[in-house]
Amino acid sequence: MKISICGIPHEIVYANDVFNTDTHYGQIDYGKAVIKISKDVSKEQQDEALCHEILHGILVHIGKDELSQDESFVQCLSNALYQSFDPKIYEGCF
């Protein structure tokens, strides 16, 4: 699956736990344009993690690297964005 972040296609890969799922469910590799999401968490956690990683990507691509490094900011904003979508209406968007 692919998603465009600021016009750049990013591959989305669902992988076995390659990170600490106590604190992280996903990661983005800006150079390779790959987002990895844990297969070892619920669908809702995967969707929220994808929203979180997309937000990291957006911030980096618009030159706001310092905001992208602020995990608290990214988590709060990605949670607000994720919670704004009704899953019944936007099914398949994430």
PDB file of N, CA and C in Angstrom:
ATOM      1  N   MET A   1       0.845  -1.166   0.000  1.00  0.00           N
ATOM      2  CA  MET A   1       0.000   0.000   0.000  1.00  0.00           C
ATOM      3  C   MET A   1       0.899   1.240   0.000  1.00  0.00           C
ATOM      4  N   LYS A   2       0.460   2.271  -0.708  1.00  0.00           N
ATOM      5  CA  LYS A   2       1.217   3.523  -0.770  1.00  0.00           C
ATOM      6  C   LYS A   2       0.323   4.688  -0.396  1.00  0.00           C
ATOM      7  N   ILE A   3       0.952   5.742   0.106  1.00  0.00           N
ATOM      8  CA  ILE A   3       0.264   6.984   0.407  1.00  0.00           C
ATOM      9  C   ILE A   3       1.183   8.123  -0.014  1.00  0.00           C
ATOM     10  N   SER A   4       0.604   9.211  -0.459  1.00  0.00           N
ATOM     11  CA  SER A   4       1.387  10.368  -0.861  1.00  0.00           C
ATOM     12  C   SER A   4       1.478  11.343   0.312  1.00  0.00           C
ATOM     13  N   ILE A   5       2.698  11.719   0.650  1.00  0.00           N
ATOM     14  CA  ILE A   5       2.924  12.737   1.673  1.00  0.00           C
ATOM     15  C   ILE A   5       3.613  13.904   0.990  1.00  0.00           C
ATOM     16  N   CYS A   6       2.901  14.997   0.872  1.00  0.00           N
ATOM     17  CA  CYS A   6       3.414  16.192   0.197  1.00  0.00           C
ATOM     18  C   CYS A   6       3.919  15.862  -1.202  1.00  0.00           C
ATOM     19  N   GLY A   7       3.187  14.995  -1.889  1.00  0.00           N
ATOM     20  CA  GLY A   7       3.504  14.640  -3.263  1.00  0.00           C
ATOM     21  C   GLY A   7       4.531  13.535  -3.424  1.00  0.00           C
ATOM     22  N   ILE A   8       5.042  13.021  -2.309  1.00  0.00           N
ATOM     23  CA  ILE A   8       6.051  11.961  -2.373  1.00  0.00           C
ATOM     24  C   ILE A   8       5.406  10.644  -1.972  1.00  0.00           C
ATOM     25  N   PRO A   9       5.414   9.642  -2.867  1.00  0.00           N
ATOM     26  CA  PRO A   9       4.814   8.347  -2.517  1.00  0.00           C
ATOM     27  C   PRO A   9       5.622   7.652  -1.429  1.00  0.00           C
ATOM     28  N   HIS A  10       4.909   7.174  -0.436  1.00  0.00           N
ATOM     29  CA  HIS A  10       5.513   6.417   0.661  1.00  0.00           C
ATOM     30  C   HIS A  10       4.885   5.029   0.705  1.00  0.00           C
ATOM     31  N   GLU A  11       5.723   4.027   0.803  1.00  0.00           N
ATOM     32  CA  GLU A  11       5.269   2.652   0.957  1.00  0.00           C
ATOM     33  C   GLU A  11       4.866   2.443   2.414  1.00  0.00           C
ATOM     34  N   ILE A  12       3.735   1.786   2.633  1.00  0.00           N
ATOM     35  CA  ILE A  12       3.302   1.426   3.980  1.00  0.00           C
ATOM     36  C   ILE A  12       3.486  -0.071   4.129  1.00  0.00           C
ATOM     37  N   VAL A  13       4.262  -0.456   5.126  1.00  0.00           N
ATOM     38  CA  VAL A  13       4.586  -1.855   5.362  1.00  0.00           C
ATOM     39  C   VAL A  13       4.087  -2.225   6.754  1.00  0.00           C
ATOM     40  N   TYR A  14       3.291  -3.279   6.818  1.00  0.00           N
ATOM     41  CA  TYR A  14       2.849  -3.819   8.102  1.00  0.00           C
ATOM     42  C   TYR A  14       3.798  -4.951   8.457  1.00  0.00           C
ATOM     43  N   ALA A  15       4.542  -4.772   9.553  1.00  0.00           N
ATOM     44  CA  ALA A  15       5.610  -5.699   9.907  1.00  0.00           C
ATOM     45  C   ALA A  15       5.414  -6.255  11.309  1.00  0.00           C
ATOM     46  N   ASN A  16       6.055  -7.402  11.540  1.00  0.00           N
ATOM     47  CA  ASN A  16       6.100  -7.908  12.905  1.00  0.00           C
ATOM     48  C   ASN A  16       6.835  -6.885  13.757  1.00  0.00           C
ATOM     49  N   ASP A  17       6.637  -6.965  15.051  1.00  0.00           N
ATOM     50  CA  ASP A  17       7.190  -5.977  15.978  1.00  0.00           C
ATOM     51  C   ASP A  17       8.683  -5.774  15.735  1.00  0.00           C
ATOM     52  N   VAL A  18       9.017  -4.663  15.131  1.00  0.00           N
ATOM     53  CA  VAL A  18      10.418  -4.303  14.915  1.00  0.00           C
ATOM     54  C   VAL A  18      10.805  -3.110  15.777  1.00  0.00           C
ATOM     55  N   PHE A  19       9.895  -2.708  16.620  1.00  0.00           N
ATOM     56  CA  PHE A  19      10.132  -1.600  17.537  1.00  0.00           C
ATOM     57  C   PHE A  19       9.451  -1.924  18.859  1.00  0.00           C
ATOM     58  N   ASN A  20       9.636  -1.086  19.827  1.00  0.00           N
ATOM     59  CA  ASN A  20       9.072  -1.305  21.156  1.00  0.00           C
ATOM     60  C   ASN A  20       7.600  -0.932  21.157  1.00  0.00           C
ATOM     61  N   THR A  21       6.705  -1.928  21.109  1.00  0.00           N
ATOM     62  CA  THR A  21       5.272  -1.617  21.039  1.00  0.00           C
ATOM     63  C   THR A  21       4.712  -1.139  22.378  1.00  0.00           C
ATOM     64  N   ASP A  22       5.548  -1.054  23.401  1.00  0.00           N
ATOM     65  CA  ASP A  22       5.102  -0.401  24.631  1.00  0.00           C
ATOM     66  C   ASP A  22       4.996   1.103  24.410  1.00  0.00           C
ATOM     67  N   THR A  23       5.815   1.626  23.514  1.00  0.00           N
ATOM     68  CA  THR A  23       5.826   3.072  23.292  1.00  0.00           C
ATOM     69  C   THR A  23       5.661   3.479  21.831  1.00  0.00           C
ATOM     70  N   HIS A  24       5.974   2.602  20.885  1.00  0.00           N
ATOM     71  CA  HIS A  24       5.922   2.958  19.467  1.00  0.00           C
ATOM     72  C   HIS A  24       5.245   1.852  18.668  1.00  0.00           C
ATOM     73  N   TYR A  25       4.321   2.234  17.801  1.00  0.00           N
ATOM     74  CA  TYR A  25       3.645   1.263  16.935  1.00  0.00           C
ATOM     75  C   TYR A  25       4.047   1.434  15.480  1.00  0.00           C
ATOM     76  N   GLY A  26       4.879   2.448  15.203  1.00  0.00           N
ATOM     77  CA  GLY A  26       5.276   2.689  13.832  1.00  0.00           C
ATOM     78  C   GLY A  26       6.537   3.516  13.760  1.00  0.00           C
ATOM     79  N   GLN A  27       7.045   3.636  12.546  1.00  0.00           N
ATOM     80  CA  GLN A  27       8.207   4.485  12.301  1.00  0.00           C
ATOM     81  C   GLN A  27       8.220   4.876  10.833  1.00  0.00           C
ATOM     82  N   ILE A  28       8.846   6.009  10.556  1.00  0.00           N
ATOM     83  CA  ILE A  28       8.958   6.485   9.176  1.00  0.00           C
ATOM     84  C   ILE A  28      10.431   6.630   8.829  1.00  0.00           C
ATOM     85  N   ASP A  29      10.789   6.173   7.648  1.00  0.00           N
ATOM     86  CA  ASP A  29      12.138   6.350   7.111  1.00  0.00           C
ATOM     87  C   ASP A  29      11.996   7.383   6.002  1.00  0.00           C
ATOM     88  N   TYR A  30      12.435   8.595   6.277  1.00  0.00           N
ATOM     89  CA  TYR A  30      12.253   9.698   5.329  1.00  0.00           C
ATOM     90  C   TYR A  30      13.036   9.466   4.048  1.00  0.00           C
ATOM     91  N   GLY A  31      14.257   8.970   4.141  1.00  0.00           N
ATOM     92  CA  GLY A  31      15.097   8.755   2.969  1.00  0.00           C
ATOM     93  C   GLY A  31      14.566   7.689   2.034  1.00  0.00           C
ATOM     94  N   LYS A  32      14.043   6.603   2.603  1.00  0.00           N
ATOM     95  CA  LYS A  32      13.515   5.512   1.795  1.00  0.00           C
ATOM     96  C   LYS A  32      12.037   5.673   1.490  1.00  0.00           C
ATOM     97  N   ALA A  33      11.392   6.665   2.112  1.00  0.00           N
ATOM     98  CA  ALA A  33       9.953   6.909   1.937  1.00  0.00           C
ATOM     99  C   ALA A  33       9.144   5.657   2.272  1.00  0.00           C
ATOM    100  N   VAL A  34       9.430   5.104   3.456  1.00  0.00           N
ATOM    101  CA  VAL A  34       8.753   3.897   3.935  1.00  0.00           C
ATOM    102  C   VAL A  34       8.215   4.156   5.335  1.00  0.00           C
ATOM    103  N   ILE A  35       6.968   3.768   5.539  1.00  0.00           N
ATOM    104  CA  ILE A  35       6.360   3.804   6.870  1.00  0.00           C
ATOM    105  C   ILE A  35       6.129   2.364   7.291  1.00  0.00           C
ATOM    106  N   LYS A  36       6.663   1.992   8.459  1.00  0.00           N
ATOM    107  CA  LYS A  36       6.443   0.652   9.002  1.00  0.00           C
ATOM    108  C   LYS A  36       5.452   0.768  10.164  1.00  0.00           C
ATOM    109  N   ILE A  37       4.463  -0.103  10.153  1.00  0.00           N
ATOM    110  CA  ILE A  37       3.447  -0.158  11.191  1.00  0.00           C
ATOM    111  C   ILE A  37       3.450  -1.577  11.761  1.00  0.00           C
ATOM    112  N   SER A  38       3.349  -1.671  13.084  1.00  0.00           N
ATOM    113  CA  SER A  38       3.359  -2.975  13.737  1.00  0.00           C
ATOM    114  C   SER A  38       2.110  -3.778  13.404  1.00  0.00           C
ATOM    115  N   LYS A  39       2.314  -5.056  13.077  1.00  0.00           N
ATOM    116  CA  LYS A  39       1.200  -5.987  12.889  1.00  0.00           C
ATOM    117  C   LYS A  39       0.717  -6.532  14.229  1.00  0.00           C
ATOM    118  N   ASP A  40       1.478  -6.263  15.288  1.00  0.00           N
ATOM    119  CA  ASP A  40       1.238  -6.873  16.586  1.00  0.00           C
ATOM    120  C   ASP A  40       0.327  -6.056  17.493  1.00  0.00           C
ATOM    121  N   VAL A  41      -0.380  -5.082  16.919  1.00  0.00           N
ATOM    122  CA  VAL A  41      -1.312  -4.268  17.701  1.00  0.00           C
ATOM    123  C   VAL A  41      -2.661  -4.251  16.983  1.00  0.00           C
ATOM    124  N   SER A  42      -3.672  -3.706  17.648  1.00  0.00           N
ATOM    125  CA  SER A  42      -5.023  -3.691  17.075  1.00  0.00           C
ATOM    126  C   SER A  42      -5.097  -2.812  15.827  1.00  0.00           C
ATOM    127  N   LYS A  43      -6.158  -2.993  15.056  1.00  0.00           N
ATOM    128  CA  LYS A  43      -6.396  -2.189  13.846  1.00  0.00           C
ATOM    129  C   LYS A  43      -6.470  -0.705  14.196  1.00  0.00           C
ATOM    130  N   GLU A  44      -7.133  -0.380  15.303  1.00  0.00           N
ATOM    131  CA  GLU A  44      -7.242   1.020  15.725  1.00  0.00           C
ATOM    132  C   GLU A  44      -5.862   1.596  16.048  1.00  0.00           C
ATOM    133  N   GLN A  45      -5.023   0.815  16.725  1.00  0.00           N
ATOM    134  CA  GLN A  45      -3.672   1.272  17.039  1.00  0.00           C
ATOM    135  C   GLN A  45      -2.840   1.419  15.767  1.00  0.00           C
ATOM    136  N   GLN A  46      -3.031   0.520  14.812  1.00  0.00           N
ATOM    137  CA  GLN A  46      -2.324   0.636  13.534  1.00  0.00           C
ATOM    138  C   GLN A  46      -2.745   1.911  12.808  1.00  0.00           C
ATOM    139  N   ASP A  47      -4.052   2.174  12.773  1.00  0.00           N
ATOM    140  CA  ASP A  47      -4.550   3.372  12.086  1.00  0.00           C
ATOM    141  C   ASP A  47      -4.037   4.653  12.745  1.00  0.00           C
ATOM    142  N   GLU A  48      -4.046   4.673  14.069  1.00  0.00           N
ATOM    143  CA  GLU A  48      -3.553   5.849  14.787  1.00  0.00           C
ATOM    144  C   GLU A  48      -2.060   6.020  14.544  1.00  0.00           C
ATOM    145  N   ALA A  49      -1.313   4.917  14.549  1.00  0.00           N
ATOM    146  CA  ALA A  49       0.126   4.983  14.301  1.00  0.00           C
ATOM    147  C   ALA A  49       0.409   5.495  12.889  1.00  0.00           C
ATOM    148  N   LEU A  50      -0.391   5.066  11.923  1.00  0.00           N
ATOM    149  CA  LEU A  50      -0.216   5.541  10.555  1.00  0.00           C
ATOM    150  C   LEU A  50      -0.450   7.048  10.484  1.00  0.00           C
ATOM    151  N   CYS A  51      -1.490   7.525  11.128  1.00  0.00           N
ATOM    152  CA  CYS A  51      -1.763   8.965  11.172  1.00  0.00           C
ATOM    153  C   CYS A  51      -0.574   9.701  11.805  1.00  0.00           C
ATOM    154  N   HIS A  52      -0.045   9.155  12.881  1.00  0.00           N
ATOM    155  CA  HIS A  52       1.103   9.742  13.590  1.00  0.00           C
ATOM    156  C   HIS A  52       2.324   9.837  12.669  1.00  0.00           C
ATOM    157  N   GLU A  53       2.631   8.750  11.974  1.00  0.00           N
ATOM    158  CA  GLU A  53       3.806   8.740  11.092  1.00  0.00           C
ATOM    159  C   GLU A  53       3.612   9.651   9.883  1.00  0.00           C
ATOM    160  N   ILE A  54       2.396   9.712   9.360  1.00  0.00           N
ATOM    161  CA  ILE A  54       2.113  10.639   8.257  1.00  0.00           C
ATOM    162  C   ILE A  54       2.358  12.072   8.712  1.00  0.00           C
ATOM    163  N   LEU A  55       1.923  12.397   9.927  1.00  0.00           N
ATOM    164  CA  LEU A  55       2.147  13.748  10.441  1.00  0.00           C
ATOM    165  C   LEU A  55       3.634  14.046  10.567  1.00  0.00           C
ATOM    166  N   HIS A  56       4.433  13.081  11.047  1.00  0.00           N
ATOM    167  CA  HIS A  56       5.893  13.269  11.063  1.00  0.00           C
ATOM    168  C   HIS A  56       6.378  13.607   9.654  1.00  0.00           C
ATOM    169  N   GLY A  57       5.923  12.829   8.677  1.00  0.00           N
ATOM    170  CA  GLY A  57       6.349  13.053   7.294  1.00  0.00           C
ATOM    171  C   GLY A  57       5.962  14.423   6.776  1.00  0.00           C
ATOM    172  N   ILE A  58       4.746  14.838   7.048  1.00  0.00           N
ATOM    173  CA  ILE A  58       4.294  16.172   6.607  1.00  0.00           C
ATOM    174  C   ILE A  58       5.175  17.252   7.211  1.00  0.00           C
ATOM    175  N   LEU A  59       5.414  17.174   8.502  1.00  0.00           N
ATOM    176  CA  LEU A  59       6.216  18.199   9.175  1.00  0.00           C
ATOM    177  C   LEU A  59       7.630  18.276   8.613  1.00  0.00           C
ATOM    178  N   VAL A  60       8.238  17.131   8.347  1.00  0.00           N
ATOM    179  CA  VAL A  60       9.584  17.131   7.764  1.00  0.00           C
ATOM    180  C   VAL A  60       9.568  17.718   6.360  1.00  0.00           C
ATOM    181  N   HIS A  61       8.592  17.324   5.563  1.00  0.00           N
ATOM    182  CA  HIS A  61       8.552  17.790   4.172  1.00  0.00           C
ATOM    183  C   HIS A  61       8.202  19.264   4.031  1.00  0.00           C
ATOM    184  N   ILE A  62       7.585  19.859   5.043  1.00  0.00           N
ATOM    185  CA  ILE A  62       7.308  21.301   4.971  1.00  0.00           C
ATOM    186  C   ILE A  62       8.364  22.116   5.719  1.00  0.00           C
ATOM    187  N   GLY A  63       9.449  21.443   6.124  1.00  0.00           N
ATOM    188  CA  GLY A  63      10.568  22.145   6.739  1.00  0.00           C
ATOM    189  C   GLY A  63      10.410  22.434   8.218  1.00  0.00           C
ATOM    190  N   LYS A  64       9.533  21.706   8.881  1.00  0.00           N
ATOM    191  CA  LYS A  64       9.312  21.900  10.321  1.00  0.00           C
ATOM    192  C   LYS A  64       9.915  20.737  11.100  1.00  0.00           C
ATOM    193  N   ASP A  65      11.204  20.473  10.851  1.00  0.00           N
ATOM    194  CA  ASP A  65      11.885  19.349  11.488  1.00  0.00           C
ATOM    195  C   ASP A  65      11.819  19.422  13.008  1.00  0.00           C
ATOM    196  N   GLU A  66      11.937  20.646  13.551  1.00  0.00           N
ATOM    197  CA  GLU A  66      11.924  20.784  15.011  1.00  0.00           C
ATOM    198  C   GLU A  66      10.586  20.344  15.595  1.00  0.00           C
ATOM    199  N   LEU A  67       9.491  20.633  14.915  1.00  0.00           N
ATOM    200  CA  LEU A  67       8.178  20.167  15.381  1.00  0.00           C
ATOM    201  C   LEU A  67       8.042  18.655  15.216  1.00  0.00           C
ATOM    202  N   SER A  68       8.627  18.117  14.155  1.00  0.00           N
ATOM    203  CA  SER A  68       8.571  16.677  13.933  1.00  0.00           C
ATOM    204  C   SER A  68       9.296  15.909  15.037  1.00  0.00           C
ATOM    205  N   GLN A  69      10.295  16.530  15.641  1.00  0.00           N
ATOM    206  CA  GLN A  69      11.051  15.890  16.715  1.00  0.00           C
ATOM    207  C   GLN A  69      10.337  15.957  18.066  1.00  0.00           C
ATOM    208  N   ASP A  70       9.296  16.780  18.143  1.00  0.00           N
ATOM    209  CA  ASP A  70       8.542  16.954  19.394  1.00  0.00           C
ATOM    210  C   ASP A  70       7.440  15.888  19.453  1.00  0.00           C
ATOM    211  N   GLU A  71       7.772  14.732  20.047  1.00  0.00           N
ATOM    212  CA  GLU A  71       6.837  13.595  20.068  1.00  0.00           C
ATOM    213  C   GLU A  71       5.520  13.933  20.752  1.00  0.00           C
ATOM    214  N   SER A  72       5.571  14.732  21.791  1.00  0.00           N
ATOM    215  CA  SER A  72       4.339  15.105  22.497  1.00  0.00           C
ATOM    216  C   SER A  72       3.419  15.897  21.573  1.00  0.00           C
ATOM    217  N   PHE A  73       3.987  16.849  20.840  1.00  0.00           N
ATOM    218  CA  PHE A  73       3.210  17.645  19.882  1.00  0.00           C
ATOM    219  C   PHE A  73       2.629  16.758  18.787  1.00  0.00           C
ATOM    220  N   VAL A  74       3.475  15.907  18.207  1.00  0.00           N
ATOM    221  CA  VAL A  74       3.031  15.034  17.114  1.00  0.00           C
ATOM    222  C   VAL A  74       1.940  14.088  17.610  1.00  0.00           C
ATOM    223  N   GLN A  75       2.107  13.527  18.809  1.00  0.00           N
ATOM    224  CA  GLN A  75       1.112  12.594  19.334  1.00  0.00           C
ATOM    225  C   GLN A  75      -0.218  13.293  19.593  1.00  0.00           C
ATOM    226  N   CYS A  76      -0.178  14.470  20.208  1.00  0.00           N
ATOM    227  CA  CYS A  76      -1.424  15.201  20.477  1.00  0.00           C
ATOM    228  C   CYS A  76      -2.147  15.568  19.185  1.00  0.00           C
ATOM    229  N   LEU A  77      -1.418  16.098  18.215  1.00  0.00           N
ATOM    230  CA  LEU A  77      -2.043  16.510  16.959  1.00  0.00           C
ATOM    231  C   LEU A  77      -2.528  15.308  16.155  1.00  0.00           C
ATOM    232  N   SER A  78      -1.744  14.239  16.116  1.00  0.00           N
ATOM    233  CA  SER A  78      -2.186  13.065  15.357  1.00  0.00           C
ATOM    234  C   SER A  78      -3.402  12.423  16.018  1.00  0.00           C
ATOM    235  N   ASN A  79      -3.463  12.409  17.347  1.00  0.00           N
ATOM    236  CA  ASN A  79      -4.655  11.891  18.025  1.00  0.00           C
ATOM    237  C   ASN A  79      -5.876  12.729  17.683  1.00  0.00           C
ATOM    238  N   ALA A  80      -5.724  14.044  17.686  1.00  0.00           N
ATOM    239  CA  ALA A  80      -6.846  14.925  17.355  1.00  0.00           C
ATOM    240  C   ALA A  80      -7.313  14.698  15.924  1.00  0.00           C
ATOM    241  N   LEU A  81      -6.373  14.571  14.986  1.00  0.00           N
ATOM    242  CA  LEU A  81      -6.740  14.304  13.592  1.00  0.00           C
ATOM    243  C   LEU A  81      -7.416  12.949  13.453  1.00  0.00           C
ATOM    244  N   TYR A  82      -6.826  11.923  14.043  1.00  0.00           N
ATOM    245  CA  TYR A  82      -7.377  10.576  13.949  1.00  0.00           C
ATOM    246  C   TYR A  82      -8.795  10.524  14.513  1.00  0.00           C
ATOM    247  N   GLN A  83      -9.022  11.181  15.642  1.00  0.00           N
ATOM    248  CA  GLN A  83     -10.326  11.154  16.287  1.00  0.00           C
ATOM    249  C   GLN A  83     -11.360  11.992  15.536  1.00  0.00           C
ATOM    250  N   SER A  84     -10.910  12.807  14.595  1.00  0.00           N
ATOM    251  CA  SER A  84     -11.821  13.636  13.807  1.00  0.00           C
ATOM    252  C   SER A  84     -12.519  12.853  12.704  1.00  0.00           C
ATOM    253  N   PHE A  85     -11.997  11.678  12.376  1.00  0.00           N
ATOM    254  CA  PHE A  85     -12.554  10.883  11.299  1.00  0.00           C
ATOM    255  C   PHE A  85     -13.492   9.816  11.848  1.00  0.00           C
ATOM    256  N   ASP A  86     -14.695   9.770  11.329  1.00  0.00           N
ATOM    257  CA  ASP A  86     -15.650   8.723  11.677  1.00  0.00           C
ATOM    258  C   ASP A  86     -15.282   7.500  10.859  1.00  0.00           C
ATOM    259  N   PRO A  87     -14.871   6.412  11.516  1.00  0.00           N
ATOM    260  CA  PRO A  87     -14.406   5.240  10.758  1.00  0.00           C
ATOM    261  C   PRO A  87     -15.440   4.679   9.789  1.00  0.00           C
ATOM    262  N   LYS A  88     -16.722   4.872  10.057  1.00  0.00           N
ATOM    263  CA  LYS A  88     -17.750   4.361   9.151  1.00  0.00           C
ATOM    264  C   LYS A  88     -17.779   5.162   7.861  1.00  0.00           C
ATOM    265  N   ILE A  89     -17.499   6.442   7.959  1.00  0.00           N
ATOM    266  CA  ILE A  89     -17.522   7.306   6.777  1.00  0.00           C
ATOM    267  C   ILE A  89     -16.216   7.191   5.996  1.00  0.00           C
ATOM    268  N   TYR A  90     -15.093   7.110   6.714  1.00  0.00           N
ATOM    269  CA  TYR A  90     -13.791   7.155   6.080  1.00  0.00           C
ATOM    270  C   TYR A  90     -13.111   5.788   6.043  1.00  0.00           C
ATOM    271  N   GLU A  91     -13.879   4.724   6.084  1.00  0.00           N
ATOM    272  CA  GLU A  91     -13.308   3.383   6.071  1.00  0.00           C
ATOM    273  C   GLU A  91     -12.396   3.220   4.864  1.00  0.00           C
ATOM    274  N   GLY A  92     -11.214   2.732   5.124  1.00  0.00           N
ATOM    275  CA  GLY A  92     -10.246   2.505   4.057  1.00  0.00           C
ATOM    276  C   GLY A  92      -9.318   3.672   3.806  1.00  0.00           C
ATOM    277  N   CYS A  93      -9.540   4.806   4.471  1.00  0.00           N
ATOM    278  CA  CYS A  93      -8.660   5.958   4.281  1.00  0.00           C
ATOM    279  C   CYS A  93      -7.334   5.787   4.997  1.00  0.00           C
ATOM    280  N   PHE A  94      -7.349   5.029   6.060  1.00  0.00           N
ATOM    281  CA  PHE A  94      -6.120   4.826   6.833  1.00  0.00           C
ATOM    282  C   PHE A  94      -5.681   3.398   6.716  1.00  0.00           C
TER     283      PHE A  94
END
